[in-house]
């Protein structure tokens, strides 16, 4: 169902699907995007780093309420969470973000702030050092 809707949206110019990307091309795509749509229901999904990459580019994330994603995406704060296969809800959200600049800026700034306060390399390193100091 999702594949059919994404294909139709791509055909209409509403959505751009770039497939699997790595390295510089992935960074360029994030930099030129407005939102990150992640309708996953992959059985082994746990804590997708691609969401952190989207946050680092100040992109609000529209994703499924699946596995570890709610630990990253806070509904209406740095993105939106939807039930599996709720393509109508996701589409509505994309259109709302496209038409409401203030809402988009709110989610975008919180996405970047979330990345900077929780997921930078220095934050990770400090957490690891702190863990070992308190559990030694």
C-alpha atoms as a PDB file:
ATOM      1  CA  UNK A   1       0.000   0.000   0.000  1.00  0.00           C
ATOM      2  CA  UNK A   2       2.742   2.464   0.964  1.00  0.00           C
ATOM      3  CA  UNK A   3       4.745   1.686  -2.171  1.00  0.00           C
ATOM      4  CA  UNK A   4       1.751   2.406  -4.417  1.00  0.00           C
ATOM      5  CA  UNK A   5       1.027   5.716  -2.711  1.00  0.00           C
ATOM      6  CA  UNK A   6       4.668   6.820  -2.726  1.00  0.00           C
ATOM      7  CA  UNK A   7       4.939   5.931  -6.420  1.00  0.00           C
ATOM      8  CA  UNK A   8       1.799   7.955  -7.180  1.00  0.00           C
ATOM      9  CA  UNK A   9       3.056  10.913  -5.121  1.00  0.00           C
ATOM     10  CA  UNK A  10       6.407  10.794  -6.916  1.00  0.00           C
ATOM     11  CA  UNK A  11       4.593  10.817 -10.250  1.00  0.00           C
ATOM     12  CA  UNK A  12       2.702  13.938  -9.204  1.00  0.00           C
ATOM     13  CA  UNK A  13       5.868  15.669  -7.986  1.00  0.00           C
ATOM     14  CA  UNK A  14       4.719  15.751  -4.349  1.00  0.00           C
ATOM     15  CA  UNK A  15       7.325  13.314  -3.014  1.00  0.00           C
ATOM     16  CA  UNK A  16      10.870  12.580  -4.090  1.00  0.00           C
ATOM     17  CA  UNK A  17      12.079   9.046  -3.451  1.00  0.00           C
ATOM     18  CA  UNK A  18      15.838   8.676  -3.752  1.00  0.00           C
ATOM     19  CA  UNK A  19      16.229   5.054  -2.699  1.00  0.00           C
ATOM     20  CA  UNK A  20      19.242   3.898  -0.713  1.00  0.00           C
ATOM     21  CA  UNK A  21      21.889   6.598  -0.461  1.00  0.00           C
ATOM     22  CA  UNK A  22      25.252   6.794   1.281  1.00  0.00           C
ATOM     23  CA  UNK A  23      28.033   9.259   1.923  1.00  0.00           C
ATOM     24  CA  UNK A  24      28.031  12.659   0.277  1.00  0.00           C
ATOM     25  CA  UNK A  25      24.949  12.033  -1.848  1.00  0.00           C
ATOM     26  CA  UNK A  26      22.927  11.203   1.276  1.00  0.00           C
ATOM     27  CA  UNK A  27      24.067  14.398   3.003  1.00  0.00           C
ATOM     28  CA  UNK A  28      23.180  16.443  -0.086  1.00  0.00           C
ATOM     29  CA  UNK A  29      19.716  14.907  -0.246  1.00  0.00           C
ATOM     30  CA  UNK A  30      19.060  15.668   3.420  1.00  0.00           C
ATOM     31  CA  UNK A  31      20.321  19.230   2.923  1.00  0.00           C
ATOM     32  CA  UNK A  32      17.961  19.795  -0.014  1.00  0.00           C
ATOM     33  CA  UNK A  33      14.911  18.187   1.623  1.00  0.00           C
ATOM     34  CA  UNK A  34      12.117  19.681   3.706  1.00  0.00           C
ATOM     35  CA  UNK A  35      10.900  16.645   5.624  1.00  0.00           C
ATOM     36  CA  UNK A  36      11.878  13.012   6.138  1.00  0.00           C
ATOM     37  CA  UNK A  37       9.150  10.427   5.602  1.00  0.00           C
ATOM     38  CA  UNK A  38       9.878   7.063   7.215  1.00  0.00           C
ATOM     39  CA  UNK A  39       6.857   4.709   6.958  1.00  0.00           C
ATOM     40  CA  UNK A  40       8.750   1.649   8.124  1.00  0.00           C
ATOM     41  CA  UNK A  41       7.331  -1.529   9.536  1.00  0.00           C
ATOM     42  CA  UNK A  42      10.527  -3.521   9.078  1.00  0.00           C
ATOM     43  CA  UNK A  43      10.454  -6.344  11.627  1.00  0.00           C
ATOM     44  CA  UNK A  44      14.015  -5.796  12.868  1.00  0.00           C
ATOM     45  CA  UNK A  45      13.805  -1.996  13.087  1.00  0.00           C
ATOM     46  CA  UNK A  46      15.083  -0.860  16.453  1.00  0.00           C
ATOM     47  CA  UNK A  47      16.659   2.602  16.678  1.00  0.00           C
ATOM     48  CA  UNK A  48      17.107   3.850  13.095  1.00  0.00           C
ATOM     49  CA  UNK A  49      20.098   6.152  12.776  1.00  0.00           C
ATOM     50  CA  UNK A  50      18.610   7.627   9.608  1.00  0.00           C
ATOM     51  CA  UNK A  51      16.218   9.557  11.858  1.00  0.00           C
ATOM     52  CA  UNK A  52      19.191  11.072  13.682  1.00  0.00           C
ATOM     53  CA  UNK A  53      20.686  12.026  10.330  1.00  0.00           C
ATOM     54  CA  UNK A  54      17.421  13.745   9.405  1.00  0.00           C
ATOM     55  CA  UNK A  55      17.412  15.605  12.728  1.00  0.00           C
ATOM     56  CA  UNK A  56      21.008  16.714  12.112  1.00  0.00           C
ATOM     57  CA  UNK A  57      19.757  18.360   8.909  1.00  0.00           C
ATOM     58  CA  UNK A  58      16.887  20.036  10.838  1.00  0.00           C
ATOM     59  CA  UNK A  59      14.292  17.871   9.118  1.00  0.00           C
ATOM     60  CA  UNK A  60      11.023  17.071  10.847  1.00  0.00           C
ATOM     61  CA  UNK A  61      10.400  13.318  10.693  1.00  0.00           C
ATOM     62  CA  UNK A  62       7.082  11.747   9.782  1.00  0.00           C
ATOM     63  CA  UNK A  63       7.293   8.101  10.779  1.00  0.00           C
ATOM     64  CA  UNK A  64       5.402   5.064  11.913  1.00  0.00           C
ATOM     65  CA  UNK A  65       4.855   4.443  15.603  1.00  0.00           C
ATOM     66  CA  UNK A  66       7.030   1.347  15.417  1.00  0.00           C
ATOM     67  CA  UNK A  67       9.685  -0.297  17.596  1.00  0.00           C
ATOM     68  CA  UNK A  68      12.213   2.295  18.873  1.00  0.00           C
ATOM     69  CA  UNK A  69      11.038   5.195  16.724  1.00  0.00           C
ATOM     70  CA  UNK A  70       8.907   6.783  19.499  1.00  0.00           C
ATOM     71  CA  UNK A  71      12.128   7.008  21.551  1.00  0.00           C
ATOM     72  CA  UNK A  72      13.439   9.375  18.877  1.00  0.00           C
ATOM     73  CA  UNK A  73      10.434  11.151  17.396  1.00  0.00           C
ATOM     74  CA  UNK A  74       8.217  13.100  19.763  1.00  0.00           C
ATOM     75  CA  UNK A  75       4.807  13.584  18.166  1.00  0.00           C
ATOM     76  CA  UNK A  76       4.138  17.258  17.336  1.00  0.00           C
ATOM     77  CA  UNK A  77       7.524  18.315  18.736  1.00  0.00           C
ATOM     78  CA  UNK A  78      10.189  17.195  16.228  1.00  0.00           C
ATOM     79  CA  UNK A  79       7.914  15.282  13.880  1.00  0.00           C
ATOM     80  CA  UNK A  80       4.838  13.115  13.731  1.00  0.00           C
ATOM     81  CA  UNK A  81       4.104   9.492  14.554  1.00  0.00           C
ATOM     82  CA  UNK A  82       1.406   7.506  12.793  1.00  0.00           C
ATOM     83  CA  UNK A  83       0.023   4.020  13.066  1.00  0.00           C
ATOM     84  CA  UNK A  84       1.207   1.459  10.555  1.00  0.00           C
ATOM     85  CA  UNK A  85      -0.254   1.972   7.078  1.00  0.00           C
ATOM     86  CA  UNK A  86      -1.879   5.314   7.980  1.00  0.00           C
ATOM     87  CA  UNK A  87      -0.895   6.817   4.647  1.00  0.00           C
ATOM     88  CA  UNK A  88      -3.779   9.305   4.727  1.00  0.00           C
ATOM     89  CA  UNK A  89      -2.556  10.709   8.047  1.00  0.00           C
ATOM     90  CA  UNK A  90       1.006  10.966   6.805  1.00  0.00           C
ATOM     91  CA  UNK A  91      -0.072  12.670   3.582  1.00  0.00           C
ATOM     92  CA  UNK A  92      -2.212  15.125   5.504  1.00  0.00           C
ATOM     93  CA  UNK A  93       0.724  15.974   7.734  1.00  0.00           C
ATOM     94  CA  UNK A  94       3.024  16.599   4.761  1.00  0.00           C
ATOM     95  CA  UNK A  95       0.470  18.992   3.258  1.00  0.00           C
ATOM     96  CA  UNK A  96       0.014  20.745   6.606  1.00  0.00           C
ATOM     97  CA  UNK A  97       3.765  21.277   6.977  1.00  0.00           C
ATOM     98  CA  UNK A  98       3.970  22.565   3.414  1.00  0.00           C
ATOM     99  CA  UNK A  99       1.281  25.166   4.101  1.00  0.00           C
ATOM    100  CA  UNK A 100       2.132  26.249   7.669  1.00  0.00           C
ATOM    101  CA  UNK A 101       5.549  27.922   7.861  1.00  0.00           C
ATOM    102  CA  UNK A 102       5.373  28.490  11.625  1.00  0.00           C
ATOM    103  CA  UNK A 103       4.560  24.847  12.321  1.00  0.00           C
ATOM    104  CA  UNK A 104       7.336  23.721  10.001  1.00  0.00           C
ATOM    105  CA  UNK A 105       9.870  26.019  11.711  1.00  0.00           C
ATOM    106  CA  UNK A 106       8.753  24.761  15.133  1.00  0.00           C
ATOM    107  CA  UNK A 107       9.292  21.095  14.222  1.00  0.00           C
ATOM    108  CA  UNK A 108      12.480  21.809  12.299  1.00  0.00           C
ATOM    109  CA  UNK A 109      14.123  23.728  15.148  1.00  0.00           C
ATOM    110  CA  UNK A 110      13.157  21.046  17.669  1.00  0.00           C
ATOM    111  CA  UNK A 111      14.521  18.329  15.388  1.00  0.00           C
ATOM    112  CA  UNK A 112      17.890  20.092  15.244  1.00  0.00           C
ATOM    113  CA  UNK A 113      17.849  20.868  18.976  1.00  0.00           C
ATOM    114  CA  UNK A 114      17.059  17.222  19.743  1.00  0.00           C
ATOM    115  CA  UNK A 115      20.046  16.144  17.675  1.00  0.00           C
ATOM    116  CA  UNK A 116      22.398  18.672  19.263  1.00  0.00           C
ATOM    117  CA  UNK A 117      21.415  17.832  22.840  1.00  0.00           C
ATOM    118  CA  UNK A 118      21.174  14.041  22.591  1.00  0.00           C
ATOM    119  CA  UNK A 119      22.961  12.612  19.580  1.00  0.00           C
ATOM    120  CA  UNK A 120      26.186  14.433  18.734  1.00  0.00           C
ATOM    121  CA  UNK A 121      29.450  12.536  18.973  1.00  0.00           C
ATOM    122  CA  UNK A 122      30.584  14.632  21.938  1.00  0.00           C
ATOM    123  CA  UNK A 123      27.325  13.895  23.788  1.00  0.00           C
ATOM    124  CA  UNK A 124      27.802  10.198  23.113  1.00  0.00           C
ATOM    125  CA  UNK A 125      31.429  10.289  24.293  1.00  0.00           C
ATOM    126  CA  UNK A 126      30.528  12.216  27.441  1.00  0.00           C
ATOM    127  CA  UNK A 127      27.771   9.708  28.230  1.00  0.00           C
ATOM    128  CA  UNK A 128      30.130   6.756  27.830  1.00  0.00           C
ATOM    129  CA  UNK A 129      32.796   8.360  30.034  1.00  0.00           C
ATOM    130  CA  UNK A 130      30.180   9.277  32.642  1.00  0.00           C
ATOM    131  CA  UNK A 131      28.805   5.741  32.616  1.00  0.00           C
ATOM    132  CA  UNK A 132      32.207   4.198  33.269  1.00  0.00           C
ATOM    133  CA  UNK A 133      33.059   6.718  35.960  1.00  0.00           C
ATOM    134  CA  UNK A 134      29.847   6.035  37.877  1.00  0.00           C
ATOM    135  CA  UNK A 135      29.886   2.253  37.349  1.00  0.00           C
ATOM    136  CA  UNK A 136      33.567   1.553  37.918  1.00  0.00           C
END
